[in-house]
Amino acid sequence: MAGAISSLGIGSGVLTADVIDQLKEAEKSSTITPIKNQMKFTDQKSQALDLLSSLMTTFKAPTHELADDTIFLNRTVNGNNSGIEVSAHAGTAVQNFNISDVKLATKSVQESGDFTSKNSKVATGDGSLNINISGKDYTIKYSANTTLSKLQESIREATHSDITASILQTGDSAYSLILKSNDTGSDQDITITDNTGKLDTKLINSTYKSDTYATADTAIATSDGTMDISVGSKDMSIAYTNGMTLTQLQNTLNQDETFSSVAVANIVKEADGDFKLIINPIGDQDGKDVTISDAGTGLDAGLTSNATNVTGSVNEVQQAGDASFKYDGITLTRSSNDVDDLIVGVSITLKEDNASANISISQDREPIVKELENFVSAYNSMIKEVGDMTTADVEEGTRGVFFGDSNIRNLGREITKLITYSDPKGNSLANFGINMDESGKLSFDRTGFDEQMDKDPDNVMKFFSGASLDDKGVFDLLDDKLSSYTQSGNGILAILGNGIKTEQTSLQNNYTRSMSLLNSRYDTLTERFIAYDGMINKMNAQFSALQMQIDASINAKK
């Protein structure tokens, strides 16, 4: 066919390929081009709808945030400094308070005497030591082959949840075992005692050790009375009662304010049937002797004449202590420097001794302001596109792709109607700094918004996010409206988009079908032209032969 088309017209000089092309183009202009133009316009509508959907989604984001009243619960804290840091959770009561006279909570830090190396032996035979912290006992076994390094590892494995054990080189050929409580607070004091008597005394505290009792619940008094206790230079009297047990005495001592400031009492089980009361001097009295005498007649001699002071070289580098501070002039104590049980929703971190701060917890308006600014910007972008898509410019001779489409035009109108709505109390967005000019463009006045927030923040919250417009705030209503537009599947924009896709498919099918019919028709016409051209060519050849005979006959008669 290609060779025949290229030679079309040779015979006739009339039925040429150009004639067929011109006829075909003329018919395409009248039948195919309108379909292509409609396809192009429909593609433009699809692109415009995608843009509008994107702008609506962007507009919905700040609207949704402003519809949620939790945005009004954000809090900001002023007054923090290097010594005190305060944070407030969302919804915390707005308030002011003062923190002063800070004394930080501390950890217990114990340092052994010096050993010449990490591999120095620490015991003369098999035995065990006891480490007490916060009323909890850890028994650590040792042997004649135990080195300082091995002991440190054994302590670390046994006590890692409560104590950090390390070895510190303090000088040339001088190594010390360091035990540090993991937590702060007065109950974190560490006491190290030897259960067997074979441990190097450089690894134990100087303590007071009672005689042996069969159990921790053995009675230590046969009548009521008073005991006199001296811890170093500190003297005190502690009452005992008839039948008081060893455990009860321990608790009585630790609960006494004077005693607990200079010593810690705990019961150690050194072996089966071998329980002893241990008193460990702390703070200024660390390493000092303890004496107990009976001011009455009922106290067991195992706590007085039969008790002993055990000398050790462990030094208390830092005493465990509670934090103390004044809250609006009231002195408080806590075991930690992180205080989160004083004010609901408020966390206080004490960071420096003697620190003070005037703290103000107020509503954080910045997230609201940011979303209002985003709201205004997104609305202006969206409403401009709606206008461009639905209006015509007579002077320019142009019109939007959705000109005359009431569905798209009504979207903008319904949103604008809500933005300009006033509730029965006369509240409208214009009262809160969101203003609309004559062209329909929004602007945000921070000053106007702040004035209303200063005046009545609850009224602003109610109008924005609830209990104002039929139990819904203006941004609730806007969010619901935008959801009906942007919801995937059955939202208005999705339905319009599906309609455009159906139209695009129909136009594509119509275009394909029309082009097929047109090509088929002109393929048939071409075949006919080729046939006609052959017939004309044959007739021309016959005419030429006849003409030659006529010319020859005429020439012969001359």
Protein backbone atom coordinates (compact mmCIF):
# COMPACT_ATOMS: atom_id res chain seq x y z
CA MET A 1 0.00 0.00 0.00
CA ALA A 2 2.85 2.40 0.82
CA GLY A 3 4.34 2.08 -2.70
CA ALA A 4 0.90 2.52 -4.25
CA ILE A 5 0.19 5.65 -2.17
CA SER A 6 3.53 7.19 -3.10
CA SER A 7 2.69 6.72 -6.83
CA LEU A 8 -0.90 7.82 -6.43
CA GLY A 9 -1.82 10.45 -9.08
CA ILE A 10 0.78 9.45 -11.61
CA GLY A 11 -1.89 8.14 -13.93
CA SER A 12 -4.48 10.82 -13.42
CA GLY A 13 -2.56 13.76 -12.14
CA VAL A 14 -5.65 14.52 -10.07
CA LEU A 15 -6.28 11.75 -7.52
CA THR A 16 -3.11 12.47 -5.52
CA ALA A 17 -2.09 11.65 -1.91
CA ASP A 18 -2.27 15.35 -1.09
CA VAL A 19 -5.95 15.35 -2.01
CA ILE A 20 -6.60 12.45 0.40
CA ASP A 21 -4.57 14.15 3.18
CA GLN A 22 -6.49 17.39 2.74
CA LEU A 23 -9.83 15.58 2.84
CA LYS A 24 -8.73 13.64 5.95
CA GLU A 25 -7.48 16.74 7.80
CA ALA A 26 -10.70 18.56 7.01
CA GLU A 27 -12.75 15.76 8.51
CA LYS A 28 -10.40 15.51 11.56
CA SER A 29 -10.91 19.21 12.22
CA SER A 30 -14.67 18.76 12.27
CA THR A 31 -14.87 15.47 14.18
CA ILE A 32 -11.61 14.61 16.00
CA THR A 33 -10.27 18.02 17.02
CA PRO A 34 -13.35 18.88 19.14
CA ILE A 35 -12.86 15.61 21.03
CA LYS A 36 -9.15 16.37 21.60
CA ASN A 37 -10.01 19.87 22.80
CA GLN A 38 -12.54 18.44 25.21
CA MET A 39 -9.94 15.91 26.44
CA LYS A 40 -7.45 18.72 27.02
CA PHE A 41 -10.04 20.75 28.92
CA THR A 42 -10.99 17.76 31.03
CA ASP A 43 -7.30 17.17 31.86
CA GLN A 44 -7.08 20.82 32.94
CA LYS A 45 -10.13 20.32 35.18
CA SER A 46 -8.51 17.22 36.70
CA GLN A 47 -5.28 19.10 37.41
CA ALA A 48 -7.22 22.04 38.84
CA LEU A 49 -9.24 19.72 41.07
CA ASP A 50 -6.03 18.06 42.31
CA LEU A 51 -4.65 21.50 43.17
CA LEU A 52 -7.87 22.48 44.92
CA SER A 53 -7.89 19.21 46.87
CA SER A 54 -4.29 19.85 47.98
CA LEU A 55 -5.14 23.41 49.06
CA MET A 56 -8.21 22.19 50.93
CA THR A 57 -6.12 19.57 52.76
CA THR A 58 -3.53 22.22 53.66
CA PHE A 59 -6.32 24.50 54.89
CA LYS A 60 -7.83 21.69 56.95
CA ALA A 61 -4.60 21.05 58.91
CA PRO A 62 -4.62 24.28 61.01
CA THR A 63 -8.43 24.20 61.15
CA HIS A 64 -8.29 20.75 62.73
CA GLU A 65 -5.66 21.84 65.25
CA LEU A 66 -7.70 24.89 66.27
CA ALA A 67 -10.81 22.72 66.64
CA ASP A 68 -9.02 20.67 69.33
CA ASP A 69 -9.20 22.46 72.68
CA THR A 70 -5.96 20.77 73.80
CA ILE A 71 -4.09 23.48 71.89
CA PHE A 72 -5.25 25.84 74.66
CA LEU A 73 -3.69 23.59 77.31
CA ASN A 74 -0.09 24.20 76.26
CA ARG A 75 1.98 25.81 78.97
CA THR A 76 5.13 27.91 79.03
CA VAL A 77 7.45 28.30 82.02
CA ASN A 78 9.36 31.49 82.80
CA GLY A 79 11.99 31.92 85.50
CA ASN A 80 14.21 28.90 84.88
CA ASN A 81 17.93 29.37 85.49
CA SER A 82 21.10 27.32 85.81
CA GLY A 83 20.18 26.19 89.33
CA ILE A 84 16.50 25.31 88.94
CA GLU A 85 14.66 23.96 85.92
CA VAL A 86 10.88 23.62 85.84
CA SER A 87 8.68 22.09 83.16
CA ALA A 88 4.88 21.93 83.01
CA HIS A 89 2.66 19.40 81.28
CA ALA A 90 -0.28 20.43 79.13
CA GLY A 91 -3.25 21.46 81.22
CA THR A 92 -1.25 22.34 84.33
CA ALA A 93 -2.86 25.08 86.38
CA VAL A 94 -1.59 28.56 85.58
CA GLN A 95 0.34 29.73 88.65
CA ASN A 96 3.37 31.46 90.16
CA PHE A 97 5.66 30.15 92.91
CA ASN A 98 9.11 30.58 94.40
CA ILE A 99 11.84 27.99 94.98
CA SER A 100 14.76 28.95 97.23
CA ASP A 101 17.44 27.73 99.66
CA VAL A 102 18.20 24.64 97.62
CA LYS A 103 20.36 21.88 99.07
CA LEU A 104 20.90 19.10 96.57
CA ALA A 105 20.24 15.45 97.30
CA THR A 106 23.46 13.45 97.29
CA LYS A 107 24.65 9.90 96.73
CA SER A 108 26.67 7.84 99.16
CA VAL A 109 30.31 7.56 98.07
CA GLN A 110 32.64 5.22 99.98
CA GLU A 111 36.39 4.93 99.32
CA SER A 112 38.54 2.06 100.62
CA GLY A 113 42.10 2.37 101.87
CA ASP A 114 44.95 2.16 99.34
CA PHE A 115 46.23 -1.05 97.72
CA THR A 116 49.46 -1.21 95.73
CA SER A 117 47.76 -2.62 92.63
CA LYS A 118 44.48 -3.90 91.26
CA ASN A 119 45.85 -7.41 91.75
CA SER A 120 46.59 -7.00 95.46
CA LYS A 121 45.07 -9.77 97.63
CA VAL A 122 42.29 -8.53 99.91
CA ALA A 123 41.74 -11.42 102.37
CA THR A 124 43.63 -14.03 104.38
CA GLY A 125 41.10 -16.83 103.87
CA ASP A 126 37.58 -17.78 102.82
CA GLY A 127 34.73 -15.64 104.07
CA SER A 128 32.13 -13.05 103.12
CA LEU A 129 31.45 -9.37 103.50
CA ASN A 130 28.10 -7.59 103.77
CA ILE A 131 27.07 -4.45 101.92
CA ASN A 132 23.93 -2.73 103.13
CA ILE A 133 22.11 0.01 101.24
CA SER A 134 18.58 1.26 101.81
CA GLY A 135 17.81 -1.69 104.11
CA LYS A 136 18.93 -4.24 101.52
CA ASP A 137 21.83 -6.61 102.23
CA TYR A 138 24.25 -8.05 99.69
CA THR A 139 26.57 -10.90 100.73
CA ILE A 140 29.83 -11.03 98.74
CA LYS A 141 32.06 -14.09 99.13
CA TYR A 142 35.85 -13.84 99.09
CA SER A 143 38.85 -16.15 99.46
CA ALA A 144 42.58 -15.90 100.10
CA ASN A 145 43.07 -15.56 96.31
CA THR A 146 40.57 -12.73 95.83
CA THR A 147 42.19 -9.64 94.34
CA LEU A 148 40.97 -6.06 94.53
CA SER A 149 39.95 -6.29 90.88
CA LYS A 150 38.07 -9.56 91.41
CA LEU A 151 36.30 -8.18 94.48
CA GLN A 152 35.23 -5.10 92.52
CA GLU A 153 33.80 -7.36 89.80
CA SER A 154 31.92 -9.51 92.34
CA ILE A 155 30.43 -6.43 94.00
CA ARG A 156 29.47 -4.96 90.63
CA GLU A 157 27.67 -8.14 89.54
CA ALA A 158 25.79 -8.48 92.84
CA THR A 159 24.81 -4.84 93.47
CA HIS A 160 24.67 -3.25 90.01
CA SER A 161 21.02 -2.20 90.42
CA ASP A 162 21.87 -0.19 93.56
CA ILE A 163 25.61 0.47 93.58
CA THR A 164 28.33 1.34 91.08
CA ALA A 165 31.64 -0.29 91.97
CA SER A 166 34.91 0.90 90.44
CA ILE A 167 38.65 1.05 91.11
CA LEU A 168 40.33 4.44 91.18
CA GLN A 169 44.08 4.98 90.94
CA THR A 170 44.73 7.70 93.49
CA GLY A 171 48.50 7.87 93.08
CA ASP A 172 51.61 5.89 92.19
CA SER A 173 50.98 2.33 93.36
CA ALA A 174 47.80 3.49 95.10
CA TYR A 175 44.44 1.98 94.15
CA SER A 176 41.13 2.35 95.96
CA LEU A 177 37.79 0.60 95.66
CA ILE A 178 35.01 3.16 95.15
CA LEU A 179 31.36 2.34 95.91
CA LYS A 180 28.73 4.86 94.85
CA SER A 181 24.98 4.56 95.32
CA ASN A 182 23.05 4.81 92.08
CA ASP A 183 20.32 6.90 93.71
CA THR A 184 20.30 9.92 95.97
CA GLY A 185 18.61 10.27 99.34
CA SER A 186 19.36 9.77 102.99
CA ASP A 187 18.36 6.09 102.81
CA GLN A 188 21.13 5.39 100.29
CA ASP A 189 24.02 5.31 102.80
CA ILE A 190 26.33 2.34 102.14
CA THR A 191 27.67 0.23 105.05
CA ILE A 192 30.44 -2.33 104.44
CA THR A 193 31.12 -4.95 107.15
CA ASP A 194 33.10 -8.20 107.32
CA ASN A 195 31.11 -11.29 108.29
CA THR A 196 34.14 -13.54 108.81
CA GLY A 197 37.01 -11.40 110.05
CA LYS A 198 39.42 -12.36 107.27
CA LEU A 199 38.93 -9.34 104.98
CA ASP A 200 41.50 -6.54 104.87
CA THR A 201 40.22 -3.77 107.16
CA LYS A 202 40.94 -1.24 104.40
CA LEU A 203 37.70 -2.55 102.81
CA ILE A 204 35.29 -2.09 105.73
CA ASN A 205 33.72 0.82 107.58
CA SER A 206 34.48 1.60 111.19
CA THR A 207 31.30 0.31 112.81
CA TYR A 208 29.70 -0.63 116.08
CA LYS A 209 28.79 -4.34 116.14
CA SER A 210 26.52 -5.92 118.74
CA ASP A 211 26.88 -9.40 120.15
CA THR A 212 25.24 -12.34 118.36
CA TYR A 213 21.46 -12.87 118.37
CA ALA A 214 19.69 -16.01 117.15
CA THR A 215 17.21 -14.12 114.96
CA ALA A 216 16.41 -10.56 113.98
CA ASP A 217 13.27 -10.86 116.10
CA THR A 218 15.04 -11.81 119.31
CA ALA A 219 13.98 -9.65 122.29
CA ILE A 220 16.67 -7.25 123.51
CA ALA A 221 14.85 -5.80 126.55
CA THR A 222 13.07 -7.26 129.59
CA SER A 223 11.55 -4.03 130.80
CA ASP A 224 10.94 -0.45 129.75
CA GLY A 225 13.88 1.91 129.96
CA THR A 226 16.24 4.31 128.23
CA MET A 227 19.59 3.75 126.55
CA ASP A 228 22.25 6.45 126.21
CA ILE A 229 24.02 6.44 122.85
CA SER A 230 27.13 8.37 121.85
CA VAL A 231 28.13 8.52 118.19
CA GLY A 232 31.45 10.32 118.20
CA SER A 233 30.67 13.68 119.73
CA LYS A 234 26.89 13.33 119.40
CA ASP A 235 24.93 12.14 122.45
CA MET A 236 21.31 11.09 122.59
CA SER A 237 18.86 9.01 124.61
CA ILE A 238 16.59 6.39 123.02
CA ALA A 239 13.71 4.73 124.86
CA TYR A 240 13.25 0.96 124.70
CA THR A 241 10.28 -1.15 125.77
CA ASN A 242 9.81 -4.53 127.36
CA GLY A 243 10.07 -7.25 124.68
CA MET A 244 11.45 -4.91 122.00
CA THR A 245 13.11 -6.99 119.26
CA LEU A 246 16.37 -6.37 117.47
CA THR A 247 14.44 -5.34 114.34
CA GLN A 248 12.25 -2.94 116.31
CA LEU A 249 15.33 -1.35 117.84
CA GLN A 250 16.90 -0.91 114.40
CA ASN A 251 13.75 0.84 113.15
CA THR A 252 13.51 3.01 116.26
CA LEU A 253 17.10 4.19 115.83
CA ASN A 254 16.74 4.99 112.11
CA GLN A 255 13.50 6.88 112.72
CA ASP A 256 15.06 9.07 115.40
CA GLU A 257 15.93 12.44 113.87
CA THR A 258 19.11 12.95 115.92
CA PHE A 259 20.42 9.41 115.45
CA SER A 260 19.69 9.29 111.69
CA SER A 261 21.68 12.48 111.15
CA VAL A 262 24.89 10.87 112.42
CA ALA A 263 24.52 7.09 111.93
CA VAL A 264 22.75 4.26 110.14
CA ALA A 265 21.60 1.10 111.91
CA ASN A 266 21.09 -2.19 110.12
CA ILE A 267 20.94 -5.88 110.99
CA VAL A 268 23.43 -8.21 109.31
CA LYS A 269 23.10 -11.97 109.17
CA GLU A 270 26.72 -13.10 109.33
CA ALA A 271 25.78 -16.79 109.51
CA ASP A 272 22.85 -19.00 110.44
CA GLY A 273 21.78 -18.03 113.96
CA ASP A 274 24.23 -15.14 113.95
CA PHE A 275 22.44 -11.78 113.62
CA LYS A 276 24.15 -8.57 114.70
CA LEU A 277 23.07 -4.94 114.96
CA ILE A 278 25.52 -2.77 113.00
CA ILE A 279 25.76 0.98 113.60
CA ASN A 280 27.72 2.91 110.97
CA PRO A 281 28.61 6.54 111.85
CA ILE A 282 28.16 8.88 108.89
CA GLY A 283 28.84 12.47 107.95
CA ASP A 284 30.95 14.39 110.47
CA GLN A 285 31.01 11.33 112.73
CA ASP A 286 32.28 8.92 110.07
CA GLY A 287 34.89 6.57 111.56
CA LYS A 288 34.11 7.57 115.17
CA ASP A 289 33.38 5.09 118.00
CA VAL A 290 29.89 4.30 119.21
CA THR A 291 28.97 3.56 122.84
CA ILE A 292 25.66 2.34 124.23
CA SER A 293 24.91 2.28 127.97
CA ASP A 294 21.76 1.30 129.76
CA ALA A 295 20.19 4.04 131.84
CA GLY A 296 17.77 1.42 133.15
CA THR A 297 18.10 -2.28 133.94
CA GLY A 298 16.28 -4.09 131.13
CA LEU A 299 18.66 -3.75 128.11
CA ASP A 300 20.52 -6.86 126.95
CA ALA A 301 24.30 -6.78 127.49
CA GLY A 302 24.79 -7.82 123.84
CA LEU A 303 24.16 -4.17 122.98
CA THR A 304 26.36 -2.66 125.67
CA SER A 305 29.28 -4.43 127.38
CA ASN A 306 29.43 -7.30 124.87
CA ALA A 307 29.36 -5.05 121.81
CA THR A 308 32.53 -3.93 120.02
CA ASN A 309 33.75 -1.11 117.80
CA VAL A 310 35.31 -2.51 114.61
CA THR A 311 37.95 -0.34 113.02
CA GLY A 312 38.03 0.00 109.24
CA SER A 313 39.72 2.29 106.74
CA VAL A 314 36.80 2.88 104.34
CA ASN A 315 36.26 6.63 104.15
CA GLU A 316 32.88 8.22 103.50
CA VAL A 317 33.72 10.65 100.69
CA GLN A 318 30.14 11.84 100.41
CA GLN A 319 27.21 11.27 102.71
CA ALA A 320 23.90 10.29 101.14
CA GLY A 321 21.38 13.01 101.80
CA ASP A 322 17.92 14.26 100.90
CA ALA A 323 17.31 17.38 98.87
CA SER A 324 15.82 20.27 100.77
CA PHE A 325 14.33 23.51 99.46
CA LYS A 326 11.73 26.11 100.25
CA TYR A 327 8.53 26.24 98.22
CA ASP A 328 6.90 29.63 98.77
CA GLY A 329 8.73 29.78 102.08
CA ILE A 330 7.76 26.27 103.23
CA THR A 331 10.73 23.94 103.76
CA LEU A 332 10.38 20.57 101.99
CA THR A 333 12.62 17.54 101.54
CA ARG A 334 12.80 14.92 98.81
CA SER A 335 15.09 11.97 98.24
CA SER A 336 15.79 13.07 94.66
CA ASN A 337 16.74 16.29 92.91
CA ASP A 338 13.96 15.55 90.42
CA VAL A 339 10.70 16.56 92.10
CA ASP A 340 7.48 15.66 90.32
CA ASP A 341 5.10 15.05 93.24
CA LEU A 342 4.81 18.60 94.55
CA ILE A 343 2.48 20.17 91.96
CA VAL A 344 0.25 18.18 89.61
CA GLY A 345 1.73 18.30 86.11
CA VAL A 346 4.91 20.13 87.17
CA SER A 347 8.44 18.68 87.20
CA ILE A 348 11.15 20.51 89.16
CA THR A 349 14.83 19.71 88.72
CA LEU A 350 17.19 21.03 91.38
CA LYS A 351 20.64 21.56 89.85
CA GLU A 352 22.70 23.78 92.16
CA ASP A 353 23.04 24.32 95.90
CA ASN A 354 21.69 27.64 97.21
CA ALA A 355 19.75 28.22 93.99
CA SER A 356 16.51 30.20 93.87
CA ALA A 357 13.97 31.02 91.18
CA ASN A 358 10.67 32.82 90.76
CA ILE A 359 8.64 30.55 88.48
CA SER A 360 5.67 31.59 86.38
CA ILE A 361 3.56 28.97 84.56
CA SER A 362 1.30 30.55 81.97
CA GLN A 363 -0.70 29.58 78.93
CA ASP A 364 1.48 29.17 75.85
CA ARG A 365 -0.27 31.14 73.12
CA GLU A 366 2.37 30.66 70.45
CA PRO A 367 1.02 27.33 69.12
CA ILE A 368 -2.43 28.95 68.78
CA VAL A 369 -0.95 32.01 67.04
CA LYS A 370 1.06 29.82 64.68
CA GLU A 371 -2.04 27.83 63.66
CA LEU A 372 -4.09 31.01 63.21
CA GLU A 373 -1.41 32.39 60.90
CA ASN A 374 -1.35 29.10 59.00
CA PHE A 375 -5.16 29.17 58.84
CA VAL A 376 -5.23 32.66 57.33
CA SER A 377 -2.48 31.90 54.81
CA ALA A 378 -4.05 28.59 53.72
CA TYR A 379 -7.51 30.13 53.38
CA ASN A 380 -6.23 32.98 51.21
CA SER A 381 -4.40 30.55 48.90
CA MET A 382 -7.41 28.26 48.65
CA ILE A 383 -10.07 30.94 48.12
CA LYS A 384 -7.98 32.68 45.44
CA GLU A 385 -7.76 29.47 43.44
CA VAL A 386 -11.51 28.88 43.82
CA GLY A 387 -12.08 32.38 42.47
CA ASP A 388 -9.69 31.90 39.54
CA MET A 389 -11.28 28.56 38.69
CA THR A 390 -14.91 29.75 38.76
CA THR A 391 -14.86 33.29 37.31
CA ALA A 392 -14.30 34.86 33.90
CA ASP A 393 -12.29 37.91 32.89
CA VAL A 394 -14.27 39.70 30.18
CA GLU A 395 -11.48 42.12 29.33
CA GLU A 396 -8.89 39.38 29.02
CA GLY A 397 -11.31 37.01 27.37
CA THR A 398 -10.46 34.18 29.79
CA ARG A 399 -12.46 32.08 32.19
CA GLY A 400 -11.68 29.48 34.84
CA VAL A 401 -11.88 25.77 34.17
CA PHE A 402 -14.84 25.50 36.56
CA PHE A 403 -16.64 28.59 35.29
CA GLY A 404 -20.34 27.96 35.73
CA ASP A 405 -19.72 24.94 37.97
CA SER A 406 -21.90 25.55 41.03
CA ASN A 407 -20.33 22.67 42.97
CA ILE A 408 -16.89 24.31 43.11
CA ARG A 409 -18.24 27.82 43.54
CA ASN A 410 -20.39 26.74 46.49
CA LEU A 411 -17.38 25.23 48.26
CA GLY A 412 -15.83 28.65 48.70
CA ARG A 413 -19.13 30.26 49.60
CA GLU A 414 -19.91 27.77 52.37
CA ILE A 415 -16.46 28.14 53.93
CA THR A 416 -16.58 31.93 53.78
CA LYS A 417 -20.05 31.84 55.34
CA LEU A 418 -18.70 29.98 58.37
CA ILE A 419 -15.69 32.29 58.68
CA THR A 420 -17.97 35.33 58.84
CA TYR A 421 -20.52 33.67 61.14
CA SER A 422 -21.53 35.33 64.41
CA ASP A 423 -22.93 33.32 67.33
CA PRO A 424 -25.89 34.47 69.45
CA LYS A 425 -23.48 36.22 71.81
CA GLY A 426 -22.10 38.30 68.95
CA ASN A 427 -18.81 36.45 68.79
CA SER A 428 -17.17 36.11 65.39
CA LEU A 429 -13.63 35.50 64.20
CA ALA A 430 -13.32 39.21 63.58
CA ASN A 431 -13.55 39.72 67.36
CA PHE A 432 -10.45 37.57 67.81
CA GLY A 433 -8.13 39.20 65.28
CA ILE A 434 -9.15 37.41 62.06
CA ASN A 435 -10.46 40.06 59.66
CA MET A 436 -11.70 39.89 56.07
CA ASP A 437 -11.27 42.82 53.66
CA GLU A 438 -13.55 43.82 50.77
CA SER A 439 -11.76 41.48 48.37
CA GLY A 440 -12.40 38.50 50.67
CA LYS A 441 -8.80 38.20 51.85
CA LEU A 442 -8.15 37.30 55.49
CA SER A 443 -5.59 38.90 57.80
CA PHE A 444 -4.54 38.15 61.39
CA ASP A 445 -4.18 40.86 64.03
CA ARG A 446 -2.06 39.48 66.91
CA THR A 447 -2.88 42.46 69.10
CA GLY A 448 -6.62 41.87 68.81
CA PHE A 449 -6.18 38.19 69.60
CA ASP A 450 -4.02 38.90 72.66
CA GLU A 451 -6.55 41.40 73.96
CA GLN A 452 -9.27 38.75 73.94
CA MET A 453 -6.97 36.15 75.50
CA ASP A 454 -6.02 38.58 78.26
CA LYS A 455 -9.67 39.41 78.81
CA ASP A 456 -11.28 35.95 78.76
CA PRO A 457 -9.24 32.98 77.48
CA ASP A 458 -12.10 30.57 78.25
CA ASN A 459 -14.41 32.50 75.93
CA VAL A 460 -11.83 32.27 73.14
CA MET A 461 -11.46 28.52 73.69
CA LYS A 462 -15.23 27.97 73.70
CA PHE A 463 -15.80 29.96 70.52
CA PHE A 464 -12.91 28.26 68.74
CA SER A 465 -13.40 24.68 69.84
CA GLY A 466 -16.69 24.10 71.58
CA ALA A 467 -19.70 25.09 73.67
CA SER A 468 -20.43 28.17 71.58
CA LEU A 469 -22.09 27.24 68.28
CA ASP A 470 -24.57 24.44 69.00
CA ASP A 471 -21.97 22.88 71.31
CA LYS A 472 -19.36 23.15 68.57
CA GLY A 473 -16.76 25.83 68.06
CA VAL A 474 -16.35 27.69 64.79
CA PHE A 475 -13.28 25.63 63.95
CA ASP A 476 -15.19 22.43 64.76
CA LEU A 477 -17.79 23.45 62.16
CA LEU A 478 -15.12 24.40 59.63
CA ASP A 479 -13.27 21.13 60.24
CA ASP A 480 -16.47 19.13 59.71
CA LYS A 481 -17.21 21.05 56.52
CA LEU A 482 -13.72 20.52 55.16
CA SER A 483 -13.90 16.83 56.05
CA SER A 484 -17.02 16.54 53.90
CA TYR A 485 -14.98 18.03 51.04
CA THR A 486 -11.66 16.23 51.43
CA GLN A 487 -12.64 12.81 52.75
CA SER A 488 -11.28 10.09 50.50
CA GLY A 489 -13.84 7.94 48.70
CA ASN A 490 -17.07 9.82 49.44
CA GLY A 491 -15.92 13.42 49.92
CA ILE A 492 -17.30 16.03 47.52
CA LEU A 493 -13.92 16.56 45.85
CA ALA A 494 -13.43 12.80 45.50
CA ILE A 495 -16.88 12.45 43.90
CA LEU A 496 -16.13 15.32 41.49
CA GLY A 497 -12.79 13.73 40.71
CA ASN A 498 -14.44 10.40 39.94
CA GLY A 499 -16.84 12.19 37.60
CA ILE A 500 -13.92 13.80 35.76
CA LYS A 501 -12.14 10.45 35.49
CA THR A 502 -15.29 8.89 34.01
CA GLU A 503 -15.50 11.76 31.51
CA GLN A 504 -11.81 11.33 30.63
CA THR A 505 -12.31 7.61 30.00
CA SER A 506 -15.37 8.27 27.85
CA LEU A 507 -13.56 10.91 25.78
CA GLN A 508 -10.52 8.66 25.32
CA ASN A 509 -12.75 5.84 24.12
CA ASN A 510 -14.61 8.19 21.78
CA TYR A 511 -11.32 9.54 20.43
CA THR A 512 -9.92 6.05 19.83
CA ARG A 513 -13.14 4.90 18.15
CA SER A 514 -13.44 8.03 15.97
CA MET A 515 -9.80 7.84 14.89
CA SER A 516 -10.23 4.16 14.01
CA LEU A 517 -13.31 4.91 11.89
CA LEU A 518 -11.58 7.85 10.21
CA ASN A 519 -8.45 5.86 9.40
CA SER A 520 -10.52 2.95 8.12
CA ARG A 521 -12.62 5.23 5.92
CA TYR A 522 -9.60 6.89 4.36
CA ASP A 523 -7.80 3.60 3.91
CA THR A 524 -10.80 2.51 1.83
CA LEU A 525 -10.85 5.83 -0.04
CA THR A 526 -7.13 5.46 -0.80
CA GLU A 527 -7.70 2.01 -2.26
CA ARG A 528 -10.47 3.42 -4.47
CA PHE A 529 -8.26 6.32 -5.60
CA ILE A 530 -5.54 3.84 -6.50
CA ALA A 531 -8.03 1.81 -8.56
CA TYR A 532 -9.46 4.90 -10.25
CA ASP A 533 -5.99 6.21 -10.93
CA GLY A 534 -5.06 2.90 -12.62
CA MET A 535 -8.15 3.02 -14.77
CA ILE A 536 -7.42 6.62 -15.79
CA ASN A 537 -3.81 5.72 -16.50
CA LYS A 538 -4.95 2.84 -18.75
CA MET A 539 -7.42 5.06 -20.58
CA ASN A 540 -4.73 7.70 -21.07
CA ALA A 541 -2.43 5.07 -22.56
CA GLN A 542 -5.16 3.88 -24.96
CA PHE A 543 -5.91 7.46 -25.94
CA SER A 544 -2.23 8.10 -26.64
CA ALA A 545 -2.03 5.04 -28.97
CA LEU A 546 -5.18 6.11 -30.82
CA GLN A 547 -3.82 9.62 -31.14
CA MET A 548 -0.65 8.28 -32.66
CA GLN A 549 -2.66 6.26 -35.27
CA ILE A 550 -4.70 9.34 -36.16
CA ASP A 551 -1.60 11.44 -36.49
CA ALA A 552 0.06 8.79 -38.71
CA SER A 553 -3.02 8.55 -40.97
CA ILE A 554 -3.14 12.30 -41.43
CA ASN A 555 0.54 12.46 -42.24
CA ALA A 556 0.15 9.66 -44.87
CA LYS A 557 -2.54 11.59 -46.79
CA LYS A 558 -0.33 14.58 -47.12
